[in-house]
Amino acid sequence: MSEPAFDTVIRGGTVATASDVFSADLGILDGRIAAIGLDLAPGRREIDARGKLVLPGGIDSHAHIEQLSASGLMNADTWESATRSAALGGTTSVVAFAAQHVGMDLAKVVEDYTALAARGAVIDYAFHLIVADATEKALSRDIPALAKEGHLSLKAFMTYDRLRLADEALLDLMAAAKAVGALVCVHAENHGLIAFASRQLLKEGKTAPKYHAASHPRLSESEAFERVVRFSQYLDQPVMIFHVSTEEGAAILRRARGEGAKVYAETCPQYLFLTESDLDRPGLEGAKWMCSPPLREARDQEALWRALDLGDLQTVSSDHAPYRYDETGKLKAGPGATFKEIANGMPGLQMRLPLLFDAMVSGGRLGLKKFVEITATAPARIYGLSNKGSVAVGMDADLCLWDPDKRVTLSDDMVEDRTGFTPYAGRTLKGWPETVLRRGRVIVEGGTVTAEAGSGAPIRRR
């Protein structure tokens, strides 16, 4: 009796890529897609995908995992808990951060974060390198050496006292990135405007979480975007602007890309599905909805959806920043904390894809192919994630089988990360990831993660 032709065959599903939707079987061998066709030969394992959508596993290109903040606060997740939650939500690859703080050696930072990921990750991973201390060593020695190892994206902050790079330092970093072919990702907000607005609000006794939105004026985003675009044009260096939140910011991106600027940009589910009214809750409860940039208005949501449709925004990431709503996280400064003393960030790895699927596929907003593009194909292409992001022969068999008819009401008790809550509790979504494969191995089945800690692998980027 002959050996089965494949390790696994996914049979009878509807396959979708960023350009096509078709019925096919998928044959998987040695962790990769080996065949796409009808009536494929048997596999050692057969997965019945009739009535299911077979999509590329999601790529979340912006997540803070087991990361120490500049103020010394460790976020809630380990690499194991964060990536388990990602897998349950249909995500098979993540680009997280190796966060340098002032005085830290960049090469040692990357070594330390890599060790954490290797011990805990259940999905595949890569890193953006946060550069908060643009020393001569970091720019001329560490970045070139790390780029040769495949670390090809750097992150800079234009705000936060302990993280921000002034304009000249940001230009130095962009020049160093250009020399090695790396992408620069930017948290672009005007620090002076935020500091001034925050000081004025606190003077007036406006300390509750709801004032966090006013402390980050809309102009702080658009002004910083203008600077980043001009720096990019001056140096002819590609940049990625993170977490776009405003209508004005989207308009700047449209104009800049029309001028030929090498500018990419992303937004996040919180800016598509939540508004600043979510911050207005009793006591400090609004802290759960605090992130930076802050939540905006309904008109901004519409502008961001339009920007995704036009291609001015290319990806939607989670910006997963998990802090518990207790004294270990959001409430570390105590029950009288002001909005300036509360950790910014919301969990998002697990719910990112289901929220987008419900809106884009079930709700018909932009459609299935666009869903695949912005959640898998575009981030793989932009960040150079080899063999990820699509369904094609030779690609890694990172796949997610979706039940398009399953309805799920989100609740805090279904959260796998360690925050203990989801900002989207109470929403009922249509469409749910049921079976997830990472490099051909089933890692989620029946709502259970079956992969062991450390089984994820680093992604060699190019």
Protein backbone atom coordinates (compact mmCIF):
# COMPACT_ATOMS: atom_id res chain seq x y z
CA MET A 1 0.00 0.00 0.00
CA SER A 2 1.44 3.36 -1.03
CA GLU A 3 2.17 6.14 1.41
CA PRO A 4 -0.31 9.05 1.54
CA ALA A 5 0.70 11.86 -0.79
CA PHE A 6 0.33 14.55 1.87
CA ASP A 7 0.67 14.99 5.61
CA THR A 8 -2.69 16.78 5.69
CA VAL A 9 -5.43 17.50 3.20
CA ILE A 10 -7.96 20.26 3.84
CA ARG A 11 -10.85 19.13 1.72
CA GLY A 12 -13.89 20.82 0.22
CA GLY A 13 -13.45 24.36 1.52
CA THR A 14 -13.77 27.77 -0.11
CA VAL A 15 -10.28 29.23 -0.37
CA ALA A 16 -9.76 32.99 -0.42
CA THR A 17 -6.70 35.08 -1.21
CA ALA A 18 -6.34 38.83 -1.69
CA SER A 19 -7.21 38.37 -5.36
CA ASP A 20 -9.37 35.23 -5.73
CA VAL A 21 -12.07 33.12 -4.10
CA PHE A 22 -12.44 29.51 -5.26
CA SER A 23 -13.36 25.98 -4.18
CA ALA A 24 -10.36 23.69 -3.70
CA ASP A 25 -8.60 21.10 -1.61
CA LEU A 26 -5.23 21.97 -0.08
CA GLY A 27 -2.48 19.38 0.23
CA ILE A 28 0.12 20.07 2.93
CA LEU A 29 3.55 18.45 3.06
CA ASP A 30 6.45 19.26 5.39
CA GLY A 31 4.73 22.35 6.73
CA ARG A 32 4.04 23.97 3.37
CA ILE A 33 1.21 24.05 0.86
CA ALA A 34 2.21 21.42 -1.69
CA ALA A 35 -0.89 21.28 -3.89
CA ILE A 36 -4.10 23.16 -4.60
CA GLY A 37 -6.75 21.42 -6.63
CA LEU A 38 -9.89 19.30 -6.71
CA ASP A 39 -10.06 15.69 -5.52
CA LEU A 40 -6.49 15.62 -4.23
CA ALA A 41 -4.95 12.32 -3.18
CA PRO A 42 -5.44 11.35 0.49
CA GLY A 43 -3.39 12.73 3.35
CA ARG A 44 -2.37 11.14 6.62
CA ARG A 45 -4.87 13.51 8.16
CA GLU A 46 -8.02 14.75 6.46
CA ILE A 47 -9.77 17.96 7.55
CA ASP A 48 -13.32 18.46 6.33
CA ALA A 49 -13.73 22.10 5.33
CA ARG A 50 -17.12 21.86 3.64
CA GLY A 51 -19.11 25.00 4.43
CA LYS A 52 -15.96 26.71 5.74
CA LEU A 53 -13.74 29.49 4.44
CA VAL A 54 -10.06 28.57 4.23
CA LEU A 55 -7.99 31.74 4.64
CA PRO A 56 -4.36 32.60 5.32
CA GLY A 57 -3.59 32.83 9.01
CA GLY A 58 -3.65 36.39 10.23
CA ILE A 59 -0.50 38.46 10.65
CA ASP A 60 -0.63 40.98 13.49
CA SER A 61 2.16 43.42 12.76
CA HIS A 62 1.95 45.55 15.92
CA ALA A 63 1.81 43.97 19.38
CA HIS A 64 3.49 44.64 22.74
CA ILE A 65 4.29 41.30 24.37
CA GLU A 66 6.08 40.74 27.70
CA GLN A 67 7.36 44.28 27.31
CA LEU A 68 8.63 46.61 29.99
CA SER A 69 7.33 50.17 29.66
CA ALA A 70 9.61 53.18 29.99
CA SER A 71 8.05 53.82 33.43
CA GLY A 72 9.05 50.33 34.59
CA LEU A 73 5.62 48.67 34.32
CA MET A 74 5.59 45.16 32.84
CA ASN A 75 2.54 44.41 30.74
CA ALA A 76 0.26 41.54 31.69
CA ASP A 77 1.13 38.99 29.03
CA THR A 78 3.86 36.46 28.65
CA TRP A 79 4.79 35.32 25.18
CA GLU A 80 2.84 32.15 25.80
CA SER A 81 -0.39 33.83 26.97
CA ALA A 82 -0.30 36.49 24.24
CA THR A 83 0.33 34.11 21.39
CA ARG A 84 -2.23 31.59 22.67
CA SER A 85 -4.80 34.37 22.52
CA ALA A 86 -3.60 35.33 19.04
CA ALA A 87 -3.94 31.74 17.83
CA LEU A 88 -7.49 31.46 19.17
CA GLY A 89 -8.36 34.53 17.13
CA GLY A 90 -6.93 33.12 13.90
CA THR A 91 -3.53 34.83 13.96
CA THR A 92 -0.52 32.67 13.08
CA SER A 93 2.29 35.27 12.95
CA VAL A 94 3.03 38.34 15.04
CA VAL A 95 5.52 41.18 14.83
CA ALA A 96 6.12 42.40 18.38
CA PHE A 97 8.66 44.78 19.88
CA ALA A 98 12.13 44.51 21.30
CA ALA A 99 12.04 47.69 23.37
CA GLN A 100 15.20 49.63 24.04
CA HIS A 101 15.07 52.24 26.79
CA VAL A 102 17.60 54.99 27.40
CA GLY A 103 20.91 53.50 28.54
CA MET A 104 20.19 50.02 27.19
CA ASP A 105 22.37 48.30 24.62
CA LEU A 106 20.24 47.64 21.54
CA ALA A 107 21.89 44.34 20.61
CA LYS A 108 21.42 43.02 24.17
CA VAL A 109 17.76 44.11 24.13
CA VAL A 110 17.12 42.07 20.98
CA GLU A 111 18.91 39.08 22.46
CA ASP A 112 16.77 39.22 25.62
CA TYR A 113 13.44 39.56 23.82
CA THR A 114 14.35 36.79 21.40
CA ALA A 115 14.99 34.46 24.35
CA LEU A 116 11.57 35.28 25.84
CA ALA A 117 9.80 34.57 22.54
CA ALA A 118 11.71 31.33 21.98
CA ARG A 119 10.54 30.01 25.37
CA GLY A 120 6.89 30.96 25.08
CA ALA A 121 5.57 31.63 21.57
CA VAL A 122 3.05 29.22 20.04
CA ILE A 123 2.89 31.13 16.74
CA ASP A 124 5.67 32.45 14.51
CA TYR A 125 7.19 35.82 15.29
CA ALA A 126 9.45 38.70 14.31
CA PHE A 127 10.44 41.99 15.94
CA HIS A 128 10.33 45.72 15.42
CA LEU A 129 13.25 47.29 17.28
CA ILE A 130 12.21 50.26 19.41
CA VAL A 131 15.06 52.75 19.41
CA ALA A 132 14.81 55.22 22.28
CA ASP A 133 18.53 55.87 22.59
CA ALA A 134 19.97 56.63 19.15
CA THR A 135 23.62 56.42 20.17
CA GLU A 136 26.47 56.21 17.71
CA LYS A 137 26.90 52.52 18.55
CA ALA A 138 23.23 51.79 17.98
CA LEU A 139 23.17 53.62 14.65
CA SER A 140 26.49 52.61 13.14
CA ARG A 141 27.08 49.13 14.58
CA ASP A 142 24.01 47.52 16.11
CA ILE A 143 21.42 48.38 13.46
CA PRO A 144 23.57 47.16 10.53
CA ALA A 145 24.42 43.93 12.37
CA LEU A 146 20.80 43.30 13.39
CA ALA A 147 19.57 44.05 9.88
CA LYS A 148 21.85 41.31 8.56
CA GLU A 149 20.08 38.94 10.98
CA GLY A 150 16.72 39.90 9.48
CA HIS A 151 15.57 42.61 11.91
CA LEU A 152 14.41 45.02 9.24
CA SER A 153 12.06 47.42 10.98
CA LEU A 154 12.79 50.08 13.57
CA LYS A 155 10.29 51.99 15.68
CA ALA A 156 10.57 55.57 16.87
CA PHE A 157 8.34 57.56 19.21
CA MET A 158 7.76 61.29 18.71
CA THR A 159 6.13 61.59 22.14
CA TYR A 160 6.52 60.21 25.70
CA ASP A 161 9.22 61.79 27.87
CA ARG A 162 11.37 58.66 28.26
CA LEU A 163 11.04 57.36 24.70
CA ARG A 164 10.77 60.18 22.20
CA LEU A 165 13.36 61.07 19.62
CA ALA A 166 13.71 64.74 18.76
CA ASP A 167 13.65 65.63 15.08
CA GLU A 168 17.39 65.41 14.54
CA ALA A 169 17.64 62.02 16.25
CA LEU A 170 14.68 60.76 14.22
CA LEU A 171 16.43 61.84 11.04
CA ASP A 172 19.60 60.09 12.21
CA LEU A 173 17.60 56.90 12.74
CA MET A 174 15.93 57.16 9.34
CA ALA A 175 19.31 57.64 7.67
CA ALA A 176 20.70 54.60 9.46
CA ALA A 177 17.67 52.58 8.33
CA LYS A 178 18.12 53.70 4.75
CA ALA A 179 21.73 52.51 4.76
CA VAL A 180 20.64 48.94 5.58
CA GLY A 181 17.29 48.78 3.75
CA ALA A 182 15.13 48.83 6.89
CA LEU A 183 11.67 50.32 7.39
CA VAL A 184 11.09 52.98 10.04
CA CYS A 185 7.80 52.77 11.95
CA VAL A 186 6.67 55.86 13.81
CA HIS A 187 4.33 56.69 16.67
CA ALA A 188 3.59 60.15 15.32
CA GLU A 189 2.07 62.66 17.73
CA ASN A 190 3.23 66.17 18.64
CA HIS A 191 4.75 65.94 22.11
CA GLY A 192 4.48 69.65 22.92
CA LEU A 193 0.77 69.82 22.15
CA ILE A 194 0.06 66.75 24.29
CA ALA A 195 2.15 68.05 27.21
CA PHE A 196 0.49 71.48 27.06
CA ALA A 197 -3.06 70.13 26.79
CA SER A 198 -2.49 67.63 29.60
CA ARG A 199 -1.13 70.30 31.91
CA GLN A 200 -4.09 72.58 31.26
CA LEU A 201 -6.62 69.80 31.89
CA LEU A 202 -5.01 68.81 35.17
CA LYS A 203 -4.94 72.44 36.32
CA GLU A 204 -8.70 72.56 35.74
CA GLY A 205 -9.21 69.40 37.82
CA LYS A 206 -10.16 67.34 34.77
CA THR A 207 -8.43 64.13 35.77
CA ALA A 208 -10.83 61.28 34.84
CA PRO A 209 -10.04 58.80 32.04
CA LYS A 210 -12.52 60.55 29.74
CA TYR A 211 -10.17 63.54 29.54
CA HIS A 212 -7.46 61.38 28.01
CA ALA A 213 -8.99 62.06 24.58
CA ALA A 214 -8.75 65.83 25.02
CA SER A 215 -5.17 65.50 26.26
CA HIS A 216 -4.13 64.28 22.80
CA PRO A 217 -5.47 67.03 20.51
CA ARG A 218 -6.41 65.95 17.01
CA LEU A 219 -3.82 68.39 15.69
CA SER A 220 -1.09 66.51 17.55
CA GLU A 221 -1.55 63.65 15.07
CA SER A 222 -1.84 65.62 11.84
CA GLU A 223 1.09 67.92 12.66
CA ALA A 224 3.37 64.98 13.43
CA PHE A 225 2.25 63.17 10.27
CA GLU A 226 3.28 66.19 8.21
CA ARG A 227 6.77 66.14 9.74
CA VAL A 228 7.24 62.40 9.23
CA VAL A 229 6.15 62.66 5.60
CA ARG A 230 8.57 65.51 4.92
CA PHE A 231 11.44 63.68 6.63
CA SER A 232 10.66 60.62 4.53
CA GLN A 233 10.67 62.68 1.34
CA TYR A 234 13.87 64.50 2.28
CA LEU A 235 15.76 61.25 2.88
CA ASP A 236 13.84 59.13 0.35
CA GLN A 237 13.32 56.64 3.18
CA PRO A 238 10.15 54.51 3.54
CA VAL A 239 8.16 54.94 6.74
CA MET A 240 5.19 53.21 8.33
CA ILE A 241 2.91 55.45 10.39
CA PHE A 242 1.33 53.46 13.18
CA HIS A 243 -2.26 53.56 14.54
CA VAL A 244 -3.85 56.30 12.44
CA SER A 245 -6.87 57.61 14.36
CA THR A 246 -8.21 60.77 12.70
CA GLU A 247 -9.88 61.95 9.53
CA GLU A 248 -7.22 64.65 9.19
CA GLY A 249 -4.45 62.09 9.49
CA ALA A 250 -5.99 59.96 6.74
CA ALA A 251 -6.23 63.02 4.49
CA ILE A 252 -2.53 63.78 4.94
CA LEU A 253 -1.64 60.22 3.99
CA ARG A 254 -3.77 60.41 0.83
CA ARG A 255 -2.09 63.60 -0.27
CA ALA A 256 1.40 62.35 0.57
CA ARG A 257 0.96 59.08 -1.31
CA GLY A 258 -0.43 61.04 -4.25
CA GLU A 259 2.83 63.00 -4.25
CA GLY A 260 4.75 59.74 -4.40
CA ALA A 261 5.90 59.72 -0.79
CA LYS A 262 7.07 56.30 0.42
CA VAL A 263 4.59 56.22 3.27
CA TYR A 264 2.70 53.20 4.58
CA ALA A 265 0.13 53.40 7.36
CA GLU A 266 -2.07 51.24 9.55
CA THR A 267 -5.03 51.63 11.84
CA CYS A 268 -6.42 49.40 14.60
CA PRO A 269 -9.82 47.91 15.51
CA GLN A 270 -10.26 50.35 18.40
CA TYR A 271 -10.33 53.25 15.95
CA LEU A 272 -12.80 51.46 13.68
CA PHE A 273 -15.22 50.18 16.33
CA LEU A 274 -14.95 52.40 19.43
CA THR A 275 -15.26 56.13 20.09
CA GLU A 276 -14.15 58.51 22.84
CA SER A 277 -17.57 58.13 24.47
CA ASP A 278 -16.37 54.68 25.60
CA LEU A 279 -13.99 56.46 27.97
CA ASP A 280 -16.83 58.17 29.80
CA ARG A 281 -17.61 55.62 32.52
CA PRO A 282 -18.00 55.74 36.31
CA GLY A 283 -14.91 56.12 38.45
CA LEU A 284 -11.78 54.85 36.74
CA GLU A 285 -13.52 52.19 34.65
CA GLY A 286 -12.85 54.22 31.51
CA ALA A 287 -9.18 53.30 31.99
CA LYS A 288 -9.94 50.02 30.20
CA TRP A 289 -10.53 52.05 27.03
CA MET A 290 -7.43 54.24 27.30
CA CYS A 291 -4.94 53.91 24.47
CA SER A 292 -2.70 56.31 22.57
CA PRO A 293 -3.64 57.86 20.26
CA PRO A 294 -6.99 57.98 22.05
CA LEU A 295 -10.33 56.87 20.69
CA ARG A 296 -11.89 59.50 18.42
CA GLU A 297 -15.30 60.14 16.83
CA ALA A 298 -17.73 58.38 14.49
CA ARG A 299 -16.65 60.60 11.57
CA ASP A 300 -13.09 59.37 12.04
CA GLN A 301 -14.26 55.77 11.82
CA GLU A 302 -15.85 56.48 8.45
CA ALA A 303 -12.73 58.24 7.21
CA LEU A 304 -10.55 55.30 8.23
CA TRP A 305 -12.78 52.76 6.50
CA ARG A 306 -12.62 54.94 3.39
CA ALA A 307 -8.82 55.09 3.65
CA LEU A 308 -8.66 51.29 3.84
CA ASP A 309 -10.86 51.07 0.76
CA LEU A 310 -8.65 53.52 -1.16
CA GLY A 311 -5.40 51.85 -0.06
CA ASP A 312 -4.13 54.84 1.92
CA LEU A 313 -4.13 52.52 4.94
CA GLN A 314 -2.70 49.11 4.12
CA THR A 315 -3.07 47.09 7.31
CA VAL A 316 -5.08 46.79 10.52
CA SER A 317 -3.05 45.68 13.54
CA SER A 318 -4.15 45.18 17.14
CA ASP A 319 -1.59 47.39 18.92
CA HIS A 320 -2.07 44.80 21.67
CA ALA A 321 -0.93 46.51 24.89
CA PRO A 322 -2.23 44.39 27.78
CA TYR A 323 -2.58 45.89 31.25
CA ARG A 324 -4.87 44.43 33.86
CA TYR A 325 -7.52 46.62 35.45
CA ASP A 326 -5.94 46.34 38.88
CA GLU A 327 -2.94 47.54 40.91
CA THR A 328 -0.52 45.52 38.73
CA GLY A 329 -1.55 47.44 35.62
CA LYS A 330 -3.99 50.25 34.92
CA LEU A 331 -4.49 51.13 38.60
CA LYS A 332 -0.89 51.00 39.76
CA ALA A 333 -1.07 54.67 40.85
CA GLY A 334 -4.06 53.93 43.07
CA PRO A 335 -7.76 54.82 43.16
CA GLY A 336 -7.09 58.55 42.79
CA ALA A 337 -4.99 58.21 39.63
CA THR A 338 -5.27 60.89 36.96
CA PHE A 339 -5.44 60.06 33.27
CA LYS A 340 -1.71 60.89 33.09
CA GLU A 341 -0.92 58.16 35.63
CA ILE A 342 -2.87 55.33 33.99
CA ALA A 343 -1.12 52.91 31.64
CA ASN A 344 -2.19 53.36 28.04
CA GLY A 345 -3.15 50.37 25.94
CA MET A 346 -5.85 47.79 25.28
CA PRO A 347 -5.78 44.06 24.57
CA GLY A 348 -6.52 43.12 20.97
CA LEU A 349 -4.65 40.09 19.66
CA GLN A 350 -7.53 37.68 20.13
CA MET A 351 -10.44 39.79 18.88
CA ARG A 352 -8.82 41.65 15.97
CA LEU A 353 -9.73 39.19 13.22
CA PRO A 354 -13.24 38.26 14.45
CA LEU A 355 -14.17 41.96 14.70
CA LEU A 356 -12.89 42.66 11.20
CA PHE A 357 -14.46 39.52 9.73
CA ASP A 358 -17.84 40.47 11.18
CA ALA A 359 -17.66 43.95 9.66
CA MET A 360 -15.91 43.22 6.39
CA VAL A 361 -17.19 39.78 5.40
CA SER A 362 -20.42 39.17 7.30
CA GLY A 363 -21.37 42.84 7.14
CA GLY A 364 -20.19 43.25 3.55
CA ARG A 365 -17.90 46.20 4.24
CA LEU A 366 -15.01 45.95 1.73
CA GLY A 367 -15.44 42.18 1.36
CA LEU A 368 -13.58 38.90 1.82
CA LYS A 369 -10.62 39.56 -0.47
CA LYS A 370 -9.92 42.91 1.19
CA PHE A 371 -10.14 41.19 4.57
CA VAL A 372 -7.40 38.76 3.52
CA GLU A 373 -5.32 41.58 2.07
CA ILE A 374 -5.25 43.86 5.11
CA THR A 375 -4.96 41.12 7.75
CA ALA A 376 -2.42 38.81 6.09
CA THR A 377 -1.13 39.57 2.60
CA ALA A 378 -0.25 43.26 2.99
CA PRO A 379 1.59 42.93 6.32
CA ALA A 380 3.58 39.98 4.96
CA ARG A 381 4.58 42.02 1.93
CA ILE A 382 5.35 45.28 3.75
CA TYR A 383 7.40 43.67 6.52
CA GLY A 384 9.14 41.04 4.38
CA LEU A 385 7.71 38.01 6.18
CA SER A 386 8.96 35.15 4.06
CA ASN A 387 6.42 32.55 2.90
CA LYS A 388 3.57 34.09 4.88
CA GLY A 389 0.31 35.83 4.10
CA SER A 390 -1.29 33.94 1.24
CA VAL A 391 -2.55 30.57 0.02
CA ALA A 392 -0.24 29.38 -2.75
CA VAL A 393 1.96 26.39 -3.50
CA GLY A 394 5.25 26.72 -1.61
CA MET A 395 3.89 29.03 1.09
CA ASP A 396 3.91 28.08 4.75
CA ALA A 397 0.68 26.25 5.59
CA ASP A 398 -0.46 28.97 7.99
CA LEU A 399 -4.21 28.62 7.58
CA CYS A 400 -7.45 29.41 9.36
CA LEU A 401 -10.78 27.69 8.77
CA TRP A 402 -13.65 30.09 9.43
CA ASP A 403 -17.25 29.16 10.09
CA PRO A 404 -18.95 32.11 8.36
CA ASP A 405 -22.31 31.46 10.03
CA LYS A 406 -21.27 30.97 13.64
CA ARG A 407 -22.42 33.71 16.00
CA VAL A 408 -20.43 34.48 19.14
CA THR A 409 -21.14 37.06 21.84
CA LEU A 410 -17.88 38.41 23.22
CA SER A 411 -17.34 38.34 26.97
CA ASP A 412 -14.54 38.85 29.46
CA ASP A 413 -14.51 35.18 30.45
CA MET A 414 -13.45 34.07 26.95
CA VAL A 415 -10.27 36.15 27.03
CA GLU A 416 -7.09 34.07 26.80
CA ASP A 417 -4.63 36.90 27.39
CA ARG A 418 -3.90 37.97 30.96
CA THR A 419 -5.74 41.31 31.04
CA GLY A 420 -8.96 39.62 32.14
CA PHE A 421 -11.19 41.77 29.93
CA THR A 422 -12.02 42.70 26.36
CA PRO A 423 -13.07 46.23 25.40
CA TYR A 424 -15.65 44.68 23.06
CA ALA A 425 -17.61 42.64 25.64
CA GLY A 426 -21.29 42.27 24.76
CA ARG A 427 -20.87 42.48 20.98
CA THR A 428 -22.25 39.61 18.94
CA LEU A 429 -20.16 38.74 15.91
CA LYS A 430 -20.97 36.56 12.92
CA GLY A 431 -18.09 34.43 11.66
CA TRP A 432 -15.55 32.66 13.85
CA PRO A 433 -12.13 30.98 13.43
CA GLU A 434 -12.57 27.31 14.30
CA THR A 435 -9.42 25.49 13.19
CA VAL A 436 -5.97 27.08 12.91
CA LEU A 437 -2.84 25.57 11.37
CA ARG A 438 0.70 26.91 11.78
CA ARG A 439 3.17 25.52 9.26
CA GLY A 440 0.82 22.60 8.64
CA ARG A 441 0.25 21.66 12.26
CA VAL A 442 -3.17 22.14 13.84
CA ILE A 443 -2.66 24.49 16.80
CA VAL A 444 -6.31 25.41 17.50
CA GLU A 445 -9.19 23.00 17.30
CA GLY A 446 -12.62 23.22 18.89
CA GLY A 447 -11.73 26.38 20.79
CA THR A 448 -8.64 24.80 22.37
CA VAL A 449 -4.98 25.67 21.77
CA THR A 450 -3.02 22.46 21.26
CA ALA A 451 0.44 23.90 20.57
CA GLU A 452 3.10 23.83 23.26
CA ALA A 453 4.98 26.87 24.52
CA GLY A 454 8.06 27.59 22.41
CA SER A 455 6.80 25.80 19.30
CA GLY A 456 6.54 29.05 17.37
CA ALA A 457 9.56 29.97 15.24
CA PRO A 458 11.36 33.20 14.32
CA ILE A 459 10.50 34.44 10.84
CA ARG A 460 13.45 35.17 8.60
CA ARG A 461 12.64 38.49 6.98
CA ARG A 462 13.91 39.89 3.74
